[in-house]
Protein backbone atom coordinates (compact mmCIF):
# COMPACT_ATOMS: atom_id res chain seq x y z
CA UNK A 1 -5.70 4.46 -22.06
CA UNK A 2 -4.83 7.06 -24.70
CA UNK A 3 -7.44 9.40 -26.16
CA UNK A 4 -6.81 7.86 -29.59
CA UNK A 5 -7.59 4.36 -28.32
CA UNK A 6 -10.67 5.62 -26.45
CA UNK A 7 -11.99 7.30 -29.61
CA UNK A 8 -11.43 4.10 -31.61
CA UNK A 9 -13.14 2.01 -28.93
CA UNK A 10 -16.19 4.29 -28.82
CA UNK A 11 -16.55 3.98 -32.60
CA UNK A 12 -16.32 0.20 -32.29
CA UNK A 13 -19.07 0.27 -29.62
CA UNK A 14 -21.30 2.24 -32.01
CA UNK A 15 -20.51 -0.10 -34.92
CA UNK A 16 -21.35 -3.10 -32.75
CA UNK A 17 -24.66 -1.47 -31.76
CA UNK A 18 -25.46 -0.97 -35.48
CA UNK A 19 -24.78 -4.63 -36.22
CA UNK A 20 -27.36 -5.69 -33.64
CA UNK A 21 -31.05 -5.19 -34.21
CA UNK A 22 -31.99 -5.51 -30.54
CA UNK A 23 -31.03 -4.15 -27.14
CA UNK A 24 -27.93 -5.66 -25.54
CA UNK A 25 -26.23 -5.38 -22.14
CA UNK A 26 -23.09 -3.32 -21.43
CA UNK A 27 -21.65 -6.64 -20.22
CA UNK A 28 -21.70 -7.77 -23.88
CA UNK A 29 -19.44 -4.84 -24.88
CA UNK A 30 -17.12 -5.70 -22.02
CA UNK A 31 -16.94 -9.36 -23.06
CA UNK A 32 -16.48 -8.45 -26.70
CA UNK A 33 -13.86 -5.66 -26.45
CA UNK A 34 -12.28 -5.15 -23.02
CA UNK A 35 -12.15 -8.42 -21.10
CA UNK A 36 -9.91 -9.13 -19.11
CA UNK A 37 -7.67 -6.04 -19.06
CA UNK A 38 -10.34 -3.48 -18.11
CA UNK A 39 -13.44 -3.47 -15.93
CA UNK A 40 -17.16 -3.32 -16.69
CA UNK A 41 -17.18 0.10 -14.99
CA UNK A 42 -14.76 1.34 -17.63
CA UNK A 43 -17.18 0.26 -20.38
CA UNK A 44 -19.95 2.16 -18.61
CA UNK A 45 -17.67 5.22 -18.37
CA UNK A 46 -17.02 5.13 -22.13
CA UNK A 47 -20.73 4.72 -22.88
CA UNK A 48 -21.40 7.71 -20.57
CA UNK A 49 -18.85 9.74 -22.57
CA UNK A 50 -20.67 8.77 -25.79
CA UNK A 51 -23.93 9.88 -24.20
CA UNK A 52 -22.37 13.16 -23.04
CA UNK A 53 -21.12 13.82 -26.59
CA UNK A 54 -24.59 13.25 -28.08
CA UNK A 55 -27.51 11.72 -26.17
CA UNK A 56 -29.06 10.51 -29.46
CA UNK A 57 -26.13 8.27 -30.48
CA UNK A 58 -27.32 5.35 -28.34
CA UNK A 59 -30.68 4.39 -26.85
CA UNK A 60 -29.78 3.65 -23.21
CA UNK A 61 -31.95 1.96 -20.60
CA UNK A 62 -31.18 1.61 -16.91
CA UNK A 63 -31.88 -1.51 -14.92
CA UNK A 64 -30.37 -4.22 -12.74
CA UNK A 65 -29.18 -1.48 -10.35
CA UNK A 66 -27.21 0.32 -13.06
CA UNK A 67 -27.83 3.62 -14.84
CA UNK A 68 -26.42 2.20 -18.08
CA UNK A 69 -27.61 -1.38 -18.51
CA UNK A 70 -29.12 -1.98 -21.96
CA UNK A 71 -28.07 -0.29 -25.23
CA UNK A 72 -29.28 -0.07 -28.80
CA UNK A 73 -28.37 1.96 -31.87
CA UNK A 74 -30.47 4.87 -33.12
CA UNK A 75 -30.84 6.53 -36.55
CA UNK A 76 -28.22 9.08 -35.42
CA UNK A 77 -25.64 6.33 -34.81
CA UNK A 78 -25.19 5.61 -38.53
CA UNK A 79 -25.05 9.31 -39.45
CA UNK A 80 -22.42 10.00 -36.79
CA UNK A 81 -20.23 7.11 -37.98
CA UNK A 82 -20.65 8.20 -41.62
CA UNK A 83 -19.23 11.59 -40.63
CA UNK A 84 -16.13 9.89 -39.20
CA UNK A 85 -17.27 9.18 -35.63
CA UNK A 86 -15.10 9.79 -32.60
CA UNK A 87 -11.91 9.18 -34.58
CA UNK A 88 -12.78 12.16 -36.77
CA UNK A 89 -13.42 14.29 -33.66
CA UNK A 90 -10.08 13.17 -32.25
CA UNK A 91 -8.23 14.08 -35.47
CA UNK A 92 -9.93 17.51 -35.59
CA UNK A 93 -8.97 18.16 -31.97
CA UNK A 94 -5.36 17.19 -32.69
CA UNK A 95 -5.30 19.45 -35.75
CA UNK A 96 -6.60 22.35 -33.63
CA UNK A 97 -3.77 21.80 -31.13
CA UNK A 98 -1.19 21.53 -33.92
CA UNK A 99 -2.43 24.81 -35.40
CA UNK A 100 -2.38 26.49 -31.99
CA UNK A 101 1.15 25.26 -31.23
CA UNK A 102 2.25 26.31 -34.71
CA UNK A 103 0.95 29.81 -34.06
CA UNK A 104 2.80 29.93 -30.77
CA UNK A 105 6.11 28.90 -32.34
CA UNK A 106 5.79 31.35 -35.22
CA UNK A 107 5.55 34.49 -33.09
CA UNK A 108 6.84 37.54 -34.99
CA UNK A 109 10.39 38.70 -34.28
CA UNK A 110 11.01 42.04 -32.62
CA UNK A 111 11.69 45.05 -34.80
CA UNK A 112 14.79 47.25 -34.27
CA UNK A 113 12.74 49.92 -32.48
CA UNK A 114 11.23 47.30 -30.13
CA UNK A 115 14.68 45.91 -29.35
CA UNK A 116 15.95 49.43 -28.55
CA UNK A 117 13.00 50.03 -26.23
CA UNK A 118 13.69 46.71 -24.55
CA UNK A 119 17.35 47.64 -24.00
CA UNK A 120 16.32 51.00 -22.49
CA UNK A 121 14.08 49.30 -19.93
CA UNK A 122 16.79 46.74 -19.05
CA UNK A 123 18.84 48.99 -16.65
CA UNK A 124 15.80 49.50 -14.41
CA UNK A 125 15.30 45.74 -14.36
CA UNK A 126 18.97 45.24 -13.43
CA UNK A 127 18.63 47.81 -10.64
CA UNK A 128 15.50 46.08 -9.31
CA UNK A 129 17.22 42.69 -9.48
CA UNK A 130 20.25 44.06 -7.62
CA UNK A 131 17.99 45.58 -4.94
CA UNK A 132 16.13 42.26 -4.57
CA UNK A 133 19.39 40.30 -4.21
CA UNK A 134 20.60 42.81 -1.56
CA UNK A 135 17.34 42.51 0.35
CA UNK A 136 17.45 38.70 0.30
CA UNK A 137 21.11 38.77 1.45
CA UNK A 138 20.25 41.08 4.38
CA UNK A 139 17.41 38.80 5.48
CA UNK A 140 19.67 35.74 5.21
CA UNK A 141 22.45 37.38 7.28
CA UNK A 142 19.94 38.49 9.91
CA UNK A 143 18.57 34.95 10.12
CA UNK A 144 22.10 33.55 10.42
CA UNK A 145 22.96 35.90 13.32
CA UNK A 146 19.73 34.94 15.11
CA UNK A 147 20.52 31.23 14.79
CA UNK A 148 24.11 31.77 16.04
CA UNK A 149 22.96 33.78 19.06
CA UNK A 150 20.36 31.13 20.00
CA UNK A 151 22.98 28.39 19.63
CA UNK A 152 25.47 30.36 21.73
CA UNK A 153 23.00 31.07 24.53
CA UNK A 154 21.73 27.50 24.80
CA UNK A 155 24.89 25.46 24.34
CA UNK A 156 28.07 27.47 24.79
CA UNK A 157 27.43 29.89 27.67
CA UNK A 158 27.43 28.21 31.15
CA UNK A 159 24.26 28.30 33.17
CA UNK A 160 25.12 30.41 36.30
CA UNK A 161 23.43 29.64 39.62
CA UNK A 162 23.00 32.39 42.25
CA UNK A 163 25.21 31.99 45.39
CA UNK A 164 22.30 31.62 47.84
CA UNK A 165 20.71 28.94 45.60
CA UNK A 166 24.06 27.12 45.48
CA UNK A 167 24.41 27.32 49.28
CA UNK A 168 20.89 25.98 49.78
CA UNK A 169 21.56 23.03 47.44
CA UNK A 170 24.85 22.24 49.25
CA UNK A 171 23.09 22.26 52.65
CA UNK A 172 20.36 20.02 51.25
CA UNK A 173 22.99 17.56 49.94
CA UNK A 174 24.88 17.67 53.30
CA UNK A 175 21.66 16.88 55.24
CA UNK A 176 20.83 14.07 52.83
CA UNK A 177 24.35 12.68 53.27
CA UNK A 178 24.07 12.80 57.09
CA UNK A 179 20.69 11.05 57.02
CA UNK A 180 21.99 8.34 54.68
CA UNK A 181 25.07 7.90 56.90
CA UNK A 182 22.93 7.52 60.04
CA UNK A 183 20.68 5.03 58.26
CA UNK A 184 23.67 2.97 57.17
CA UNK A 185 25.11 3.00 60.71
CA UNK A 186 21.80 1.75 62.09
CA UNK A 187 21.68 -1.03 59.48
CA UNK A 188 25.28 -1.93 60.31
CA UNK A 189 24.48 -2.11 64.06
CA UNK A 190 21.44 -4.28 63.30
CA UNK A 191 23.57 -6.60 61.16
CA UNK A 192 26.23 -6.79 63.92
CA UNK A 193 23.54 -7.63 66.51
CA UNK A 194 22.19 -10.44 64.28
CA UNK A 195 25.72 -11.82 63.80
CA UNK A 196 26.39 -11.73 67.55
CA UNK A 197 23.14 -13.57 68.27
CA UNK A 198 24.01 -16.23 65.68
CA UNK A 199 27.47 -16.81 67.21
CA UNK A 200 25.94 -17.49 70.64
């Protein structure tokens, strides 16, 4: 919800409170102005903002488990609306921003002397910029070489095994092969024995 619409809505809440001579629930404001697109909590938030602006604008009572439950107008309500209400505050705030932005856009132009001074300081800025670019380039190249060396070590260069380690592995494989071979021969003999017994 835009600030403009919120300001207008707060003024309408105050006008409604003036029209009534008794206390009324925040639910009534919700039913009257914001149902069904917004929630009751949003009404309470707007009423809280009114209270924060000026605690004398509405007489607020808590109850039914809520801090803001019943409302009524006060003598200050009419005075505030006569001065323009929240819409007037909104317009003043917008005018302040417009003035501020106008001042920013109308900054004075540099004089000839100021421009000359600016040009004199420019070479040092160029030198600093050049130094910074050189430094960044050096760091980037260093990083690139580090990445290449890591890549080369892990993927491209073969992993050498010492001769004694290789010999030990070969002996281990040979022993494993012999054991497997013996096991298979035993199984084969057992199978042959079973076949011979079946033929008899």
